[in-house]
């Protein structure tokens, strides 16, 4: 089962499951430490949900992919853990569920 898709190639692109909720290069911020561009490094695949025992249509936890972007220059190696940029692409069904839950009655 493929849970993680890692790519160390320069200019690699993630695999988007849907066009809704995908990013363009203009949407990806720069590194907060050195202002260099961020690059796609890996993505977490939705098969991981199986190990969280998320199998019910009633459970709103669902994503199509979680994508992690890191500093292209791998700046400041003296810092062990750094904040990076993560994007969660939710499934269309999850978005609909959250809208239904969060919409006030009467609207």
Protein backbone atom coordinates (compact mmCIF):
# COMPACT_ATOMS: atom_id res chain seq x y z
CA UNK A 1 0.00 0.00 0.00
CA UNK A 2 1.44 3.35 -1.06
CA UNK A 3 1.20 5.74 1.92
CA UNK A 4 3.91 8.27 1.14
CA UNK A 5 5.15 9.61 -2.19
CA UNK A 6 8.60 11.18 -1.86
CA UNK A 7 10.28 13.00 -4.72
CA UNK A 8 13.76 14.47 -4.52
CA UNK A 9 13.81 15.63 -8.14
CA UNK A 10 14.05 19.34 -8.77
CA UNK A 11 10.87 20.87 -10.26
CA UNK A 12 8.82 17.78 -9.38
CA UNK A 13 5.07 18.21 -9.05
CA UNK A 14 2.67 16.43 -6.70
CA UNK A 15 -0.09 14.18 -7.99
CA UNK A 16 -3.39 15.96 -7.45
CA UNK A 17 -6.45 13.74 -7.09
CA UNK A 18 -8.84 16.52 -8.10
CA UNK A 19 -8.49 19.92 -9.74
CA UNK A 20 -10.52 21.48 -6.92
CA UNK A 21 -8.23 22.43 -4.06
CA UNK A 22 -4.98 22.09 -6.01
CA UNK A 23 -2.29 24.78 -5.90
CA UNK A 24 -0.47 26.74 -8.56
CA UNK A 25 3.11 27.93 -8.12
CA UNK A 26 1.75 31.39 -7.26
CA UNK A 27 -0.07 29.89 -4.24
CA UNK A 28 3.09 28.48 -2.65
CA UNK A 29 4.83 30.92 -0.28
CA UNK A 30 8.57 31.49 0.04
CA UNK A 31 10.70 30.09 2.86
CA UNK A 32 10.06 32.06 6.06
CA UNK A 33 13.75 31.76 7.02
CA UNK A 34 15.63 32.74 3.84
CA UNK A 35 12.89 33.77 1.36
CA UNK A 36 13.98 31.10 -1.15
CA UNK A 37 11.26 29.29 -3.13
CA UNK A 38 9.66 26.25 -1.55
CA UNK A 39 9.66 22.98 -3.47
CA UNK A 40 7.41 19.93 -3.36
CA UNK A 41 9.16 17.23 -1.33
CA UNK A 42 6.59 14.60 -0.43
CA UNK A 43 2.90 13.86 -0.13
CA UNK A 44 0.85 11.69 2.19
CA UNK A 45 -1.62 9.52 0.34
CA UNK A 46 -5.20 8.92 1.54
CA UNK A 47 -4.55 5.19 2.03
CA UNK A 48 -3.14 6.21 5.43
CA UNK A 49 -6.74 6.75 6.55
CA UNK A 50 -7.14 2.97 6.58
CA UNK A 51 -4.63 2.78 9.46
CA UNK A 52 -6.60 5.45 11.34
CA UNK A 53 -9.66 3.18 11.00
CA UNK A 54 -11.52 5.83 9.01
CA UNK A 55 -13.84 3.76 6.89
CA UNK A 56 -17.26 5.21 7.54
CA UNK A 57 -19.11 7.70 5.36
CA UNK A 58 -20.20 9.30 8.63
CA UNK A 59 -16.61 10.17 9.58
CA UNK A 60 -15.64 13.57 8.14
CA UNK A 61 -11.88 12.90 8.25
CA UNK A 62 -10.92 12.44 4.62
CA UNK A 63 -8.39 13.95 2.28
CA UNK A 64 -7.19 13.22 -1.22
CA UNK A 65 -3.59 14.21 -0.47
CA UNK A 66 -1.44 16.12 2.02
CA UNK A 67 1.48 17.87 0.33
CA UNK A 68 4.63 19.13 2.05
CA UNK A 69 6.79 21.86 0.54
CA UNK A 70 10.27 22.56 1.94
CA UNK A 71 12.96 25.16 1.31
CA UNK A 72 14.61 24.53 -2.05
CA UNK A 73 17.93 25.77 -0.58
CA UNK A 74 17.64 23.64 2.61
CA UNK A 75 18.64 26.75 4.52
CA UNK A 76 19.88 27.02 8.11
CA UNK A 77 20.85 23.44 8.83
CA UNK A 78 21.60 24.44 12.44
CA UNK A 79 17.85 24.30 13.18
CA UNK A 80 16.73 20.71 13.78
CA UNK A 81 13.01 21.27 13.22
CA UNK A 82 11.64 24.04 11.04
CA UNK A 83 8.24 25.23 10.01
CA UNK A 84 7.46 24.27 6.43
CA UNK A 85 4.38 24.67 4.22
CA UNK A 86 1.74 21.94 4.12
CA UNK A 87 -1.36 21.86 1.92
CA UNK A 88 -4.29 19.52 2.56
CA UNK A 89 -6.49 18.77 -0.42
CA UNK A 90 -9.83 17.64 0.98
CA UNK A 91 -12.09 15.26 -0.86
CA UNK A 92 -15.18 16.77 -2.47
CA UNK A 93 -17.38 14.73 -0.10
CA UNK A 94 -15.54 16.09 2.95
CA UNK A 95 -15.93 19.68 1.76
CA UNK A 96 -19.68 19.10 1.32
CA UNK A 97 -19.92 17.54 4.80
CA UNK A 98 -18.12 20.45 6.45
CA UNK A 99 -20.32 22.96 4.63
CA UNK A 100 -23.43 21.12 5.82
CA UNK A 101 -22.15 21.00 9.42
CA UNK A 102 -21.00 24.63 9.56
CA UNK A 103 -23.94 26.26 7.77
CA UNK A 104 -26.29 27.90 10.31
CA UNK A 105 -29.90 26.73 10.21
CA UNK A 106 -32.11 28.86 8.03
CA UNK A 107 -29.43 29.83 5.50
